[in-house]
Amino acid sequence: MKKAERKIGRFQVMALLQAARYYILMKDFEKALSFGLNRAIFYAWAKRTLRTAPSKVRRQKTREEVLEGKKETREEKTFFLGNEEAYLSENGWFKIGNQEQKPTDFEKEIIDKIADTMQFEEAWKAAIDYLNKFDKETLLDQRKFFEEVYKPVRDKFPNI
């Protein structure tokens, strides 16, 4: 396959760009892999859930109801990258529910799949170079990152 024809799946692009985003802002490669996979899983879940959600509007919970609900469950550690919140496991990895996203999981779910198209090191460098074109404000904003960074390249990465 010619270089111009190579393409990586959307899930892998999201995970790669989210990991590179975390790395640029926080300078921690191992945690970046955990964050990247975590955010890719979250966005895939959100896309599926929002697409199948009932059309009638649900009543908003009051602040007191939300706080009462939190009292019933154990406190969870959270991390904010800008305005994007993610949960942390007791081991410090990002998690969804009780499932941690470890760097080894990123390797199986993302690196191994990217390897079908190109070397991971090449994809990582392309992601870092691409994200370095954006200002810190864009990288810290969940909506801007999705709309301005991810969406324009999700179907053509690494050919950007």
N, C-alpha and C. Protein backbone atom coordinates (compact mmCIF):
# COMPACT_ATOMS: atom_id res chain seq x y z
N MET A 1 0.84 -1.17 0.00
CA MET A 1 0.00 0.00 0.00
C MET A 1 0.89 1.24 0.00
N LYS A 2 0.58 2.20 -0.83
CA LYS A 2 1.36 3.43 -0.89
C LYS A 2 1.12 4.24 0.37
N LYS A 3 2.10 5.08 0.71
CA LYS A 3 1.99 5.91 1.90
C LYS A 3 0.72 6.77 1.87
N ALA A 4 0.40 7.33 0.73
CA ALA A 4 -0.76 8.22 0.61
C ALA A 4 -2.07 7.48 0.88
N GLU A 5 -2.07 6.15 0.76
CA GLU A 5 -3.29 5.37 0.95
C GLU A 5 -3.45 4.85 2.38
N ARG A 6 -2.40 4.94 3.18
CA ARG A 6 -2.47 4.40 4.54
C ARG A 6 -3.43 5.19 5.40
N LYS A 7 -4.18 4.47 6.21
CA LYS A 7 -5.15 5.10 7.09
C LYS A 7 -5.27 4.27 8.36
N ILE A 8 -5.46 4.95 9.45
CA ILE A 8 -5.63 4.31 10.75
C ILE A 8 -7.09 4.49 11.15
N GLY A 9 -7.68 3.51 11.82
CA GLY A 9 -9.08 3.59 12.25
C GLY A 9 -9.35 4.75 13.20
N ARG A 10 -10.59 5.21 13.22
CA ARG A 10 -10.96 6.36 14.05
C ARG A 10 -10.68 6.14 15.53
N PHE A 11 -10.97 4.95 16.03
CA PHE A 11 -10.73 4.66 17.45
C PHE A 11 -9.25 4.82 17.77
N GLN A 12 -8.40 4.28 16.90
CA GLN A 12 -6.96 4.38 17.12
C GLN A 12 -6.46 5.81 16.97
N VAL A 13 -7.03 6.55 16.01
CA VAL A 13 -6.65 7.96 15.86
C VAL A 13 -7.01 8.74 17.12
N MET A 14 -8.21 8.53 17.63
CA MET A 14 -8.63 9.22 18.86
C MET A 14 -7.68 8.89 20.00
N ALA A 15 -7.39 7.62 20.21
CA ALA A 15 -6.51 7.21 21.31
C ALA A 15 -5.11 7.80 21.14
N LEU A 16 -4.59 7.76 19.93
CA LEU A 16 -3.25 8.29 19.66
C LEU A 16 -3.19 9.79 19.90
N LEU A 17 -4.16 10.53 19.38
CA LEU A 17 -4.16 11.98 19.55
C LEU A 17 -4.39 12.37 21.01
N GLN A 18 -5.26 11.64 21.71
CA GLN A 18 -5.49 11.94 23.13
C GLN A 18 -4.22 11.65 23.94
N ALA A 19 -3.54 10.56 23.62
CA ALA A 19 -2.29 10.24 24.32
C ALA A 19 -1.24 11.31 24.05
N ALA A 20 -1.13 11.72 22.81
CA ALA A 20 -0.15 12.77 22.45
C ALA A 20 -0.52 14.09 23.13
N ARG A 21 -1.81 14.38 23.20
CA ARG A 21 -2.30 15.59 23.89
C ARG A 21 -1.84 15.58 25.35
N TYR A 22 -2.09 14.46 26.03
CA TYR A 22 -1.70 14.33 27.44
C TYR A 22 -0.18 14.46 27.57
N TYR A 23 0.55 13.81 26.69
CA TYR A 23 2.02 13.84 26.76
C TYR A 23 2.56 15.26 26.60
N ILE A 24 2.02 15.99 25.63
CA ILE A 24 2.48 17.36 25.40
C ILE A 24 2.22 18.23 26.63
N LEU A 25 1.07 18.05 27.24
CA LEU A 25 0.69 18.89 28.38
C LEU A 25 1.28 18.43 29.70
N MET A 26 1.46 17.12 29.89
CA MET A 26 1.86 16.59 31.20
C MET A 26 3.24 15.93 31.21
N LYS A 27 3.79 15.63 30.06
CA LYS A 27 5.14 15.04 29.95
C LYS A 27 5.31 13.69 30.65
N ASP A 28 4.28 12.85 30.60
CA ASP A 28 4.34 11.52 31.22
C ASP A 28 3.84 10.51 30.18
N PHE A 29 4.75 9.79 29.56
CA PHE A 29 4.42 8.90 28.46
C PHE A 29 3.51 7.74 28.88
N GLU A 30 3.84 7.08 29.99
CA GLU A 30 3.05 5.93 30.44
C GLU A 30 1.60 6.33 30.76
N LYS A 31 1.44 7.42 31.50
CA LYS A 31 0.09 7.91 31.83
C LYS A 31 -0.62 8.40 30.56
N ALA A 32 0.15 8.92 29.61
CA ALA A 32 -0.44 9.38 28.34
C ALA A 32 -1.10 8.23 27.61
N LEU A 33 -0.48 7.06 27.63
CA LEU A 33 -1.06 5.89 26.98
C LEU A 33 -2.36 5.49 27.67
N SER A 34 -2.37 5.52 29.00
CA SER A 34 -3.57 5.21 29.76
C SER A 34 -4.68 6.22 29.44
N PHE A 35 -4.34 7.50 29.43
CA PHE A 35 -5.31 8.55 29.14
C PHE A 35 -5.86 8.42 27.71
N GLY A 36 -4.98 8.16 26.76
CA GLY A 36 -5.41 8.05 25.37
C GLY A 36 -6.42 6.94 25.16
N LEU A 37 -6.16 5.77 25.69
CA LEU A 37 -7.09 4.65 25.55
C LEU A 37 -8.38 4.95 26.31
N ASN A 38 -8.26 5.52 27.50
CA ASN A 38 -9.43 5.86 28.30
C ASN A 38 -10.37 6.80 27.55
N ARG A 39 -9.82 7.84 26.97
CA ARG A 39 -10.65 8.82 26.27
C ARG A 39 -11.25 8.22 25.00
N ALA A 40 -10.52 7.38 24.31
CA ALA A 40 -11.06 6.74 23.10
C ALA A 40 -12.24 5.84 23.46
N ILE A 41 -12.11 5.09 24.55
CA ILE A 41 -13.21 4.24 25.01
C ILE A 41 -14.40 5.10 25.41
N PHE A 42 -14.13 6.18 26.15
CA PHE A 42 -15.20 7.06 26.58
C PHE A 42 -15.96 7.66 25.39
N TYR A 43 -15.24 8.17 24.41
CA TYR A 43 -15.90 8.79 23.26
C TYR A 43 -16.67 7.76 22.43
N ALA A 44 -16.14 6.55 22.31
CA ALA A 44 -16.86 5.50 21.59
C ALA A 44 -18.15 5.15 22.34
N TRP A 45 -18.06 5.06 23.66
CA TRP A 45 -19.25 4.79 24.48
C TRP A 45 -20.27 5.92 24.34
N ALA A 46 -19.79 7.17 24.43
CA ALA A 46 -20.68 8.32 24.34
C ALA A 46 -21.38 8.38 22.98
N LYS A 47 -20.65 8.10 21.93
CA LYS A 47 -21.23 8.12 20.59
C LYS A 47 -22.34 7.08 20.48
N ARG A 48 -22.08 5.87 20.98
CA ARG A 48 -23.06 4.79 20.95
C ARG A 48 -24.27 5.13 21.82
N THR A 49 -24.03 5.64 23.00
CA THR A 49 -25.09 5.95 23.94
C THR A 49 -25.95 7.11 23.46
N LEU A 50 -25.32 8.16 22.97
CA LEU A 50 -26.09 9.32 22.52
C LEU A 50 -26.91 9.00 21.28
N ARG A 51 -26.40 8.13 20.46
CA ARG A 51 -27.11 7.74 19.25
C ARG A 51 -28.36 6.93 19.58
N THR A 52 -28.31 6.13 20.64
CA THR A 52 -29.43 5.26 20.98
C THR A 52 -30.26 5.78 22.15
N ALA A 53 -29.92 6.97 22.66
CA ALA A 53 -30.65 7.52 23.82
C ALA A 53 -32.08 7.88 23.41
N PRO A 54 -33.03 7.70 24.34
CA PRO A 54 -34.41 8.09 24.03
C PRO A 54 -34.49 9.58 23.75
N SER A 55 -35.41 9.96 22.89
CA SER A 55 -35.50 11.36 22.48
C SER A 55 -36.13 12.27 23.51
N LYS A 56 -36.91 11.71 24.45
CA LYS A 56 -37.53 12.59 25.44
C LYS A 56 -36.47 13.10 26.43
N VAL A 57 -36.64 14.33 26.84
CA VAL A 57 -35.68 14.98 27.72
C VAL A 57 -35.88 14.48 29.14
N ARG A 58 -34.76 14.12 29.77
CA ARG A 58 -34.82 13.67 31.15
C ARG A 58 -34.72 14.87 32.08
N ARG A 59 -35.35 14.76 33.25
CA ARG A 59 -35.30 15.83 34.23
C ARG A 59 -33.88 15.95 34.78
N GLN A 60 -33.39 17.18 34.87
CA GLN A 60 -32.07 17.44 35.43
C GLN A 60 -32.11 17.20 36.94
N LYS A 61 -31.08 16.57 37.47
CA LYS A 61 -31.00 16.39 38.91
C LYS A 61 -30.57 17.71 39.55
N THR A 62 -31.09 17.96 40.73
CA THR A 62 -30.67 19.15 41.46
C THR A 62 -29.28 18.90 42.05
N ARG A 63 -28.62 19.96 42.44
CA ARG A 63 -27.29 19.85 43.04
C ARG A 63 -27.34 18.95 44.28
N GLU A 64 -28.39 19.08 45.07
CA GLU A 64 -28.53 18.29 46.28
C GLU A 64 -28.67 16.80 45.96
N GLU A 65 -29.42 16.48 44.91
CA GLU A 65 -29.58 15.08 44.51
C GLU A 65 -28.26 14.49 44.03
N VAL A 66 -27.49 15.29 43.32
CA VAL A 66 -26.19 14.82 42.84
C VAL A 66 -25.27 14.57 44.03
N LEU A 67 -25.22 15.52 44.97
CA LEU A 67 -24.37 15.36 46.14
C LEU A 67 -24.81 14.18 47.00
N GLU A 68 -26.12 13.98 47.14
CA GLU A 68 -26.64 12.85 47.91
C GLU A 68 -26.22 11.53 47.27
N GLY A 69 -26.29 11.47 45.94
CA GLY A 69 -25.87 10.27 45.21
C GLY A 69 -24.40 9.98 45.42
N LYS A 70 -23.58 11.03 45.49
CA LYS A 70 -22.14 10.84 45.71
C LYS A 70 -21.87 10.32 47.11
N LYS A 71 -22.69 10.69 48.08
CA LYS A 71 -22.50 10.21 49.46
C LYS A 71 -22.71 8.71 49.54
N GLU A 72 -23.59 8.18 48.70
CA GLU A 72 -23.90 6.76 48.74
C GLU A 72 -22.78 5.91 48.14
N THR A 73 -21.97 6.48 47.30
CA THR A 73 -20.88 5.74 46.67
C THR A 73 -19.56 6.23 47.26
N ARG A 74 -18.55 5.40 47.12
CA ARG A 74 -17.25 5.83 47.62
C ARG A 74 -16.70 6.92 46.72
N GLU A 75 -15.92 7.78 47.31
CA GLU A 75 -15.33 8.87 46.55
C GLU A 75 -14.34 8.31 45.53
N GLU A 76 -14.40 8.83 44.34
CA GLU A 76 -13.48 8.40 43.30
C GLU A 76 -12.50 9.51 43.01
N LYS A 77 -11.26 9.14 42.73
CA LYS A 77 -10.25 10.12 42.35
C LYS A 77 -10.51 10.54 40.91
N THR A 78 -10.46 11.82 40.68
CA THR A 78 -10.63 12.32 39.32
C THR A 78 -9.43 13.16 38.93
N PHE A 79 -9.26 13.32 37.65
CA PHE A 79 -8.18 14.11 37.08
C PHE A 79 -8.79 14.99 36.01
N PHE A 80 -8.38 16.23 35.97
CA PHE A 80 -8.83 17.14 34.93
C PHE A 80 -7.66 17.50 34.02
N LEU A 81 -7.85 17.30 32.74
CA LEU A 81 -6.93 17.83 31.74
C LEU A 81 -7.71 18.98 31.11
N GLY A 82 -7.41 20.18 31.54
CA GLY A 82 -8.24 21.32 31.16
C GLY A 82 -9.62 21.13 31.74
N ASN A 83 -10.63 21.14 30.86
CA ASN A 83 -12.00 20.96 31.34
C ASN A 83 -12.52 19.55 31.11
N GLU A 84 -11.63 18.62 30.82
CA GLU A 84 -12.03 17.23 30.60
C GLU A 84 -11.69 16.40 31.83
N GLU A 85 -12.71 15.74 32.40
CA GLU A 85 -12.55 14.97 33.61
C GLU A 85 -12.46 13.48 33.29
N ALA A 86 -11.54 12.80 33.98
CA ALA A 86 -11.40 11.35 33.85
C ALA A 86 -11.16 10.77 35.24
N TYR A 87 -11.59 9.53 35.43
CA TYR A 87 -11.43 8.86 36.72
C TYR A 87 -10.11 8.12 36.78
N LEU A 88 -9.55 8.06 38.00
CA LEU A 88 -8.29 7.36 38.24
C LEU A 88 -8.53 6.16 39.14
N SER A 89 -7.81 5.09 38.85
CA SER A 89 -7.87 3.90 39.70
C SER A 89 -6.98 4.12 40.92
N GLU A 90 -7.06 3.21 41.85
CA GLU A 90 -6.20 3.27 43.03
C GLU A 90 -4.72 3.17 42.64
N ASN A 91 -4.46 2.54 41.50
CA ASN A 91 -3.08 2.38 41.02
C ASN A 91 -2.59 3.59 40.22
N GLY A 92 -3.47 4.57 40.01
CA GLY A 92 -3.07 5.78 39.31
C GLY A 92 -3.30 5.76 37.81
N TRP A 93 -3.84 4.66 37.28
CA TRP A 93 -4.16 4.61 35.85
C TRP A 93 -5.57 5.16 35.64
N PHE A 94 -5.83 5.61 34.44
CA PHE A 94 -7.18 6.07 34.13
C PHE A 94 -8.09 4.85 34.03
N LYS A 95 -9.38 5.07 34.34
CA LYS A 95 -10.29 3.94 34.35
C LYS A 95 -11.69 4.37 33.93
N ILE A 96 -12.44 3.39 33.48
CA ILE A 96 -13.86 3.56 33.22
C ILE A 96 -14.53 2.42 33.98
N GLY A 97 -15.44 2.78 34.89
CA GLY A 97 -16.01 1.78 35.78
C GLY A 97 -14.90 1.24 36.64
N ASN A 98 -14.78 -0.06 36.72
CA ASN A 98 -13.69 -0.68 37.48
C ASN A 98 -12.54 -1.13 36.59
N GLN A 99 -12.61 -0.82 35.31
CA GLN A 99 -11.61 -1.28 34.35
C GLN A 99 -10.53 -0.23 34.11
N GLU A 100 -9.30 -0.56 34.52
CA GLU A 100 -8.17 0.33 34.28
C GLU A 100 -7.75 0.25 32.81
N GLN A 101 -7.25 1.35 32.30
CA GLN A 101 -6.63 1.36 30.99
C GLN A 101 -5.13 1.54 31.23
N LYS A 102 -4.40 0.46 31.10
CA LYS A 102 -2.96 0.47 31.37
C LYS A 102 -2.20 0.63 30.06
N PRO A 103 -0.93 1.00 30.14
CA PRO A 103 -0.12 1.11 28.93
C PRO A 103 -0.07 -0.21 28.12
N THR A 104 -0.12 -1.34 28.81
CA THR A 104 -0.12 -2.62 28.10
C THR A 104 -1.42 -2.80 27.30
N ASP A 105 -2.51 -2.24 27.81
CA ASP A 105 -3.78 -2.29 27.07
C ASP A 105 -3.71 -1.40 25.84
N PHE A 106 -3.07 -0.24 25.97
CA PHE A 106 -2.88 0.65 24.84
C PHE A 106 -2.08 -0.07 23.76
N GLU A 107 -1.07 -0.81 24.19
CA GLU A 107 -0.25 -1.55 23.23
C GLU A 107 -1.10 -2.55 22.44
N LYS A 108 -1.96 -3.29 23.13
CA LYS A 108 -2.80 -4.30 22.46
C LYS A 108 -3.87 -3.68 21.58
N GLU A 109 -4.52 -2.64 22.09
CA GLU A 109 -5.67 -2.05 21.40
C GLU A 109 -5.30 -1.00 20.35
N ILE A 110 -4.17 -0.34 20.54
CA ILE A 110 -3.83 0.78 19.66
C ILE A 110 -2.53 0.51 18.89
N ILE A 111 -1.45 0.29 19.59
CA ILE A 111 -0.15 0.13 18.92
C ILE A 111 -0.17 -1.05 17.96
N ASP A 112 -0.69 -2.19 18.39
CA ASP A 112 -0.72 -3.37 17.52
C ASP A 112 -1.58 -3.14 16.28
N LYS A 113 -2.65 -2.36 16.42
CA LYS A 113 -3.52 -2.08 15.26
C LYS A 113 -2.89 -1.04 14.34
N ILE A 114 -2.22 -0.05 14.91
CA ILE A 114 -1.51 0.94 14.10
C ILE A 114 -0.40 0.26 13.31
N ALA A 115 0.21 -0.76 13.92
CA ALA A 115 1.32 -1.48 13.26
C ALA A 115 0.89 -2.13 11.96
N ASP A 116 -0.41 -2.37 11.78
CA ASP A 116 -0.90 -2.90 10.51
C ASP A 116 -0.77 -1.87 9.39
N THR A 117 -0.65 -0.60 9.77
CA THR A 117 -0.58 0.48 8.80
C THR A 117 0.80 1.11 8.74
N MET A 118 1.42 1.31 9.89
CA MET A 118 2.72 1.98 9.95
C MET A 118 3.37 1.68 11.30
N GLN A 119 4.63 2.03 11.43
CA GLN A 119 5.31 1.85 12.71
C GLN A 119 4.73 2.84 13.72
N PHE A 120 4.57 2.38 14.96
CA PHE A 120 3.99 3.26 15.97
C PHE A 120 4.83 4.51 16.17
N GLU A 121 6.13 4.38 16.17
CA GLU A 121 7.01 5.54 16.38
C GLU A 121 6.74 6.62 15.33
N GLU A 122 6.48 6.21 14.10
CA GLU A 122 6.17 7.14 13.03
C GLU A 122 4.81 7.81 13.28
N ALA A 123 3.83 7.04 13.72
CA ALA A 123 2.50 7.59 14.02
C ALA A 123 2.58 8.54 15.22
N TRP A 124 3.35 8.16 16.23
CA TRP A 124 3.51 9.00 17.42
C TRP A 124 4.13 10.34 17.05
N LYS A 125 5.19 10.30 16.25
CA LYS A 125 5.85 11.53 15.82
C LYS A 125 4.88 12.40 15.02
N ALA A 126 4.11 11.80 14.13
CA ALA A 126 3.13 12.55 13.33
C ALA A 126 2.08 13.20 14.25
N ALA A 127 1.64 12.47 15.26
CA ALA A 127 0.64 13.01 16.20
C ALA A 127 1.22 14.18 16.99
N ILE A 128 2.43 14.03 17.51
CA ILE A 128 3.08 15.10 18.27
C ILE A 128 3.28 16.32 17.38
N ASP A 129 3.80 16.12 16.18
CA ASP A 129 4.02 17.24 15.25
C ASP A 129 2.70 17.95 14.94
N TYR A 130 1.66 17.18 14.71
CA TYR A 130 0.35 17.75 14.40
C TYR A 130 -0.19 18.56 15.58
N LEU A 131 -0.15 18.00 16.78
CA LEU A 131 -0.69 18.69 17.95
C LEU A 131 0.12 19.92 18.33
N ASN A 132 1.39 19.92 18.02
CA ASN A 132 2.22 21.10 18.31
C ASN A 132 1.82 22.31 17.48
N LYS A 133 0.98 22.13 16.49
CA LYS A 133 0.48 23.26 15.68
C LYS A 133 -0.63 24.02 16.40
N PHE A 134 -1.17 23.44 17.49
CA PHE A 134 -2.28 24.04 18.20
C PHE A 134 -1.80 24.70 19.48
N ASP A 135 -2.52 25.74 19.90
CA ASP A 135 -2.15 26.42 21.15
C ASP A 135 -2.64 25.60 22.34
N LYS A 136 -2.09 25.95 23.49
CA LYS A 136 -2.40 25.23 24.73
C LYS A 136 -3.89 25.32 25.06
N GLU A 137 -4.51 26.47 24.80
CA GLU A 137 -5.93 26.65 25.09
C GLU A 137 -6.78 25.63 24.33
N THR A 138 -6.45 25.38 23.08
CA THR A 138 -7.18 24.40 22.27
C THR A 138 -6.99 22.99 22.82
N LEU A 139 -5.77 22.67 23.22
CA LEU A 139 -5.48 21.33 23.75
C LEU A 139 -6.15 21.10 25.11
N LEU A 140 -6.36 22.16 25.86
CA LEU A 140 -6.97 22.02 27.18
C LEU A 140 -8.50 22.03 27.14
N ASP A 141 -9.08 22.37 26.02
CA ASP A 141 -10.53 22.45 25.92
C ASP A 141 -11.08 21.21 25.23
N GLN A 142 -11.92 20.47 25.94
CA GLN A 142 -12.47 19.21 25.43
C GLN A 142 -13.18 19.39 24.08
N ARG A 143 -14.05 20.36 23.98
CA ARG A 143 -14.84 20.58 22.76
C ARG A 143 -13.94 21.04 21.61
N LYS A 144 -13.04 21.99 21.89
CA LYS A 144 -12.14 22.47 20.83
C LYS A 144 -11.24 21.34 20.34
N PHE A 145 -10.75 20.53 21.28
CA PHE A 145 -9.90 19.41 20.87
C PHE A 145 -10.66 18.49 19.92
N PHE A 146 -11.88 18.14 20.29
CA PHE A 146 -12.67 17.23 19.46
C PHE A 146 -12.97 17.84 18.10
N GLU A 147 -13.47 19.07 18.10
CA GLU A 147 -13.92 19.71 16.86
C GLU A 147 -12.79 20.20 15.96
N GLU A 148 -11.77 20.80 16.56
CA GLU A 148 -10.72 21.46 15.78
C GLU A 148 -9.48 20.60 15.54
N VAL A 149 -9.25 19.64 16.41
CA VAL A 149 -8.05 18.82 16.30
C VAL A 149 -8.38 17.43 15.74
N TYR A 150 -9.28 16.72 16.40
CA TYR A 150 -9.58 15.34 16.02
C TYR A 150 -10.42 15.23 14.75
N LYS A 151 -11.55 15.89 14.70
CA LYS A 151 -12.49 15.71 13.58
C LYS A 151 -11.86 15.96 12.20
N PRO A 152 -11.06 17.01 12.04
CA PRO A 152 -10.51 17.25 10.69
C PRO A 152 -9.58 16.14 10.17
N VAL A 153 -9.01 15.33 11.07
CA VAL A 153 -8.05 14.32 10.61
C VAL A 153 -8.48 12.88 10.90
N ARG A 154 -9.62 12.69 11.51
CA ARG A 154 -10.01 11.35 11.97
C ARG A 154 -10.07 10.32 10.84
N ASP A 155 -10.35 10.75 9.63
CA ASP A 155 -10.45 9.80 8.50
C ASP A 155 -9.25 9.83 7.58
N LYS A 156 -8.26 10.65 7.87
CA LYS A 156 -7.11 10.72 6.97
C LYS A 156 -5.75 10.66 7.68
N PHE A 157 -5.76 10.49 8.98
CA PHE A 157 -4.49 10.39 9.70
C PHE A 157 -3.75 9.14 9.26
N PRO A 158 -2.47 9.20 9.01
CA PRO A 158 -1.49 10.26 9.27
C PRO A 158 -1.29 11.23 8.10
N ASN A 159 -2.07 11.09 7.07
CA ASN A 159 -1.89 11.94 5.88
C ASN A 159 -2.56 13.29 6.06
N ILE A 160 -1.94 14.10 6.92
CA ILE A 160 -2.52 15.40 7.25
C ILE A 160 -1.67 16.53 6.75
